[in-house]
């Protein structure tokens, strides 16, 4: 079993994913970084030289590879839900959690992320705030449909988000450690910082 985090870029998937992985002693995987490592180019370079379709194929192939392993918290790319095969692969491999945030919060985090321009290409020709609002409007139904539940990450400390997700998973999925099947995962606070 794996745990998948979906949502718009800068919704907190990597930060929260690492926190959850540390708390339950699973591996953390960032699917976008895995694509970058495997092809030796940034996502922006892949899209600039090969186009979006090529990136989506690479993303799908990488997700399939990730799903062959177990006990991973996976931070997915923002557009992973646009492919029905990706959704099926995730849902057959484990629960899917949507990390949501307002457009204003996402814009603030993107502005604070020094690598955002190079690592994350523009998705539309519009301004940043308009782009975020447009993408949220387009993709929210996909995120909602693909997810088992959602968590709002606006102004919520990472450890609270982590605790809430683990609590919901233990309540709904009765996640237990395969090496010690009588013990449910116990959350240990890792940090008290907010997402930036």
Protein backbone atom coordinates (compact mmCIF):
# COMPACT_ATOMS: atom_id res chain seq x y z
CA UNK A 1 0.00 0.00 0.00
CA UNK A 2 1.06 3.57 -0.77
CA UNK A 3 -0.34 7.01 0.04
CA UNK A 4 -0.76 9.58 -2.73
CA UNK A 5 -1.00 13.34 -2.27
CA UNK A 6 -2.63 15.30 -5.08
CA UNK A 7 -3.33 19.00 -5.57
CA UNK A 8 -2.23 22.18 -7.31
CA UNK A 9 1.46 23.04 -7.33
CA UNK A 10 2.53 24.61 -4.03
CA UNK A 11 -0.43 23.12 -2.14
CA UNK A 12 2.04 21.47 0.28
CA UNK A 13 2.38 17.96 -1.17
CA UNK A 14 6.16 17.65 -0.80
CA UNK A 15 6.37 19.27 2.65
CA UNK A 16 3.42 17.34 4.05
CA UNK A 17 4.48 14.15 2.27
CA UNK A 18 7.91 14.22 3.88
CA UNK A 19 6.33 14.88 7.27
CA UNK A 20 3.93 11.94 6.94
CA UNK A 21 6.68 9.64 5.66
CA UNK A 22 8.87 10.51 8.64
CA UNK A 23 5.99 10.00 11.06
CA UNK A 24 5.00 6.53 9.80
CA UNK A 25 8.49 5.42 8.71
CA UNK A 26 7.67 5.07 5.02
CA UNK A 27 9.70 6.26 2.02
CA UNK A 28 8.91 9.63 0.46
CA UNK A 29 8.74 9.95 -3.33
CA UNK A 30 8.25 13.12 -5.38
CA UNK A 31 6.99 11.92 -8.77
CA UNK A 32 8.03 15.11 -10.60
CA UNK A 33 11.57 14.83 -9.24
CA UNK A 34 11.63 11.19 -10.27
CA UNK A 35 10.72 12.21 -13.85
CA UNK A 36 13.49 14.83 -13.81
CA UNK A 37 16.05 12.34 -12.52
CA UNK A 38 15.12 9.68 -15.07
CA UNK A 39 15.30 11.95 -18.12
CA UNK A 40 18.02 14.34 -16.97
CA UNK A 41 16.00 17.49 -17.76
CA UNK A 42 13.82 19.88 -15.81
CA UNK A 43 10.09 19.69 -16.39
CA UNK A 44 10.29 23.06 -18.13
CA UNK A 45 12.98 21.72 -20.49
CA UNK A 46 10.96 18.57 -21.22
CA UNK A 47 7.92 20.66 -22.10
CA UNK A 48 9.90 23.25 -24.08
CA UNK A 49 11.71 20.61 -26.16
CA UNK A 50 9.27 17.70 -26.27
CA UNK A 51 5.86 19.16 -25.44
CA UNK A 52 3.21 18.48 -22.81
CA UNK A 53 2.18 15.12 -24.27
CA UNK A 54 5.71 13.78 -23.85
CA UNK A 55 5.83 14.99 -20.27
CA UNK A 56 2.44 13.38 -19.51
CA UNK A 57 3.68 10.07 -20.97
CA UNK A 58 6.79 10.24 -18.79
CA UNK A 59 4.64 11.14 -15.79
CA UNK A 60 2.34 8.15 -16.41
CA UNK A 61 5.28 5.75 -16.85
CA UNK A 62 6.94 7.03 -13.67
CA UNK A 63 3.73 6.65 -11.66
CA UNK A 64 3.34 3.05 -12.85
CA UNK A 65 6.91 2.34 -11.69
CA UNK A 66 6.24 3.97 -8.31
CA UNK A 67 3.12 1.84 -7.85
CA UNK A 68 5.17 -1.37 -8.13
CA UNK A 69 6.64 -0.63 -4.69
CA UNK A 70 5.03 -0.41 -1.27
CA UNK A 71 5.04 1.78 1.86
CA UNK A 72 5.63 5.08 0.08
CA UNK A 73 4.15 8.55 0.52
CA UNK A 74 3.99 9.97 -2.99
CA UNK A 75 3.78 13.68 -3.84
CA UNK A 76 2.34 13.81 -7.36
CA UNK A 77 2.46 16.48 -10.04
CA UNK A 78 -0.41 18.94 -10.16
CA UNK A 79 -1.79 17.55 -13.42
CA UNK A 80 -1.55 13.85 -12.59
CA UNK A 81 -5.34 13.68 -12.21
CA UNK A 82 -5.91 14.69 -15.83
CA UNK A 83 -5.15 11.12 -16.90
CA UNK A 84 -7.74 8.49 -15.92
CA UNK A 85 -5.06 5.77 -16.01
CA UNK A 86 -3.06 7.67 -13.39
CA UNK A 87 -6.10 7.88 -11.12
CA UNK A 88 -6.75 4.16 -11.52
CA UNK A 89 -3.10 3.33 -10.77
CA UNK A 90 -3.14 5.43 -7.60
CA UNK A 91 -6.48 4.19 -6.31
CA UNK A 92 -5.49 0.54 -6.77
CA UNK A 93 -2.23 1.18 -4.92
CA UNK A 94 -3.55 3.10 -1.90
CA UNK A 95 -5.57 6.04 -0.58
CA UNK A 96 -5.44 9.40 -2.36
CA UNK A 97 -5.54 12.66 -0.39
CA UNK A 98 -6.22 16.04 -1.97
CA UNK A 99 -4.29 18.92 -0.37
CA UNK A 100 -6.22 22.05 -1.24
CA UNK A 101 -5.36 25.71 -0.83
CA UNK A 102 -6.78 29.02 -2.00
CA UNK A 103 -5.38 30.76 -5.07
CA UNK A 104 -3.98 33.51 -2.85
CA UNK A 105 -2.12 31.00 -0.67
CA UNK A 106 -0.74 29.16 -3.69
CA UNK A 107 0.40 32.45 -5.28
CA UNK A 108 2.20 33.45 -2.07
CA UNK A 109 3.96 30.08 -1.84
CA UNK A 110 4.94 30.14 -5.51
CA UNK A 111 6.39 33.62 -5.06
CA UNK A 112 8.41 32.39 -2.06
CA UNK A 113 9.69 29.34 -3.97
CA UNK A 114 12.93 30.44 -5.65
CA UNK A 115 12.88 27.44 -8.02
CA UNK A 116 9.27 27.87 -9.09
CA UNK A 117 10.02 29.58 -12.40
CA UNK A 118 12.64 27.10 -13.56
CA UNK A 119 11.11 23.97 -12.11
CA UNK A 120 7.46 24.70 -12.82
CA UNK A 121 6.57 26.01 -16.27
CA UNK A 122 3.65 28.37 -16.85
CA UNK A 123 0.46 26.51 -17.62
CA UNK A 124 -1.36 29.32 -19.42
CA UNK A 125 -0.54 32.65 -21.07
CA UNK A 126 -2.34 34.60 -18.35
CA UNK A 127 -0.89 36.31 -15.26
CA UNK A 128 0.07 34.20 -12.25
CA UNK A 129 -3.04 34.85 -10.16
CA UNK A 130 -5.40 34.39 -13.10
CA UNK A 131 -3.56 31.22 -14.12
CA UNK A 132 -3.87 29.75 -10.62
CA UNK A 133 -7.58 30.60 -10.43
CA UNK A 134 -8.19 29.11 -13.89
CA UNK A 135 -6.30 25.90 -13.14
CA UNK A 136 -8.00 25.48 -9.76
CA UNK A 137 -11.39 25.92 -11.43
CA UNK A 138 -10.55 23.39 -14.14
CA UNK A 139 -8.86 20.78 -11.96
CA UNK A 140 -10.81 20.89 -8.68
CA UNK A 141 -13.48 18.47 -9.97
CA UNK A 142 -10.70 16.05 -10.95
CA UNK A 143 -9.01 16.37 -7.56
CA UNK A 144 -12.32 15.85 -5.78
CA UNK A 145 -13.24 12.82 -7.87
CA UNK A 146 -9.82 11.18 -7.52
CA UNK A 147 -9.42 11.73 -3.77
CA UNK A 148 -10.65 9.70 -0.83
CA UNK A 149 -10.74 12.90 1.23
CA UNK A 150 -9.33 16.43 1.18
CA UNK A 151 -7.43 18.60 3.63
CA UNK A 152 -7.19 22.42 3.48
CA UNK A 153 -3.60 23.57 3.97
CA UNK A 154 -4.12 27.33 4.26
CA UNK A 155 -2.43 28.65 7.43
CA UNK A 156 -2.37 25.21 9.06
CA UNK A 157 0.86 23.92 10.66
CA UNK A 158 2.43 20.96 8.87
CA UNK A 159 2.24 18.76 11.97
CA UNK A 160 -1.52 19.39 12.25
CA UNK A 161 -2.05 18.45 8.61
CA UNK A 162 0.10 15.35 9.14
CA UNK A 163 -1.80 14.34 12.27
CA UNK A 164 -5.19 14.85 10.61
CA UNK A 165 -4.27 12.75 7.58
CA UNK A 166 -2.84 9.90 9.68
CA UNK A 167 -5.88 9.98 11.97
CA UNK A 168 -8.27 9.79 9.00
CA UNK A 169 -6.26 6.98 7.43
CA UNK A 170 -6.19 4.97 10.63
CA UNK A 171 -9.93 5.50 11.11
CA UNK A 172 -10.93 4.63 7.55
CA UNK A 173 -8.31 2.20 6.36
CA UNK A 174 -7.09 0.73 9.64
CA UNK A 175 -3.53 1.07 8.41
CA UNK A 176 -1.32 -1.34 10.22
CA UNK A 177 2.39 -2.02 10.06
CA UNK A 178 2.95 -5.20 8.05
CA UNK A 179 5.98 -6.08 10.16
CA UNK A 180 3.92 -5.79 13.34
CA UNK A 181 0.26 -6.32 12.34
CA UNK A 182 -1.10 -5.67 15.82
CA UNK A 183 0.18 -2.09 15.93
CA UNK A 184 -1.45 0.81 14.13
CA UNK A 185 0.69 3.68 12.96
CA UNK A 186 1.29 6.21 15.72
CA UNK A 187 1.90 9.79 14.74
CA UNK A 188 4.92 11.55 16.26
CA UNK A 189 5.10 15.34 15.88
CA UNK A 190 7.97 16.25 13.56
CA UNK A 191 7.71 20.03 13.36
CA UNK A 192 5.43 22.95 14.11
CA UNK A 193 6.23 25.16 11.13
CA UNK A 194 3.67 26.36 8.62
CA UNK A 195 3.83 25.76 4.91
CA UNK A 196 5.48 28.69 3.17
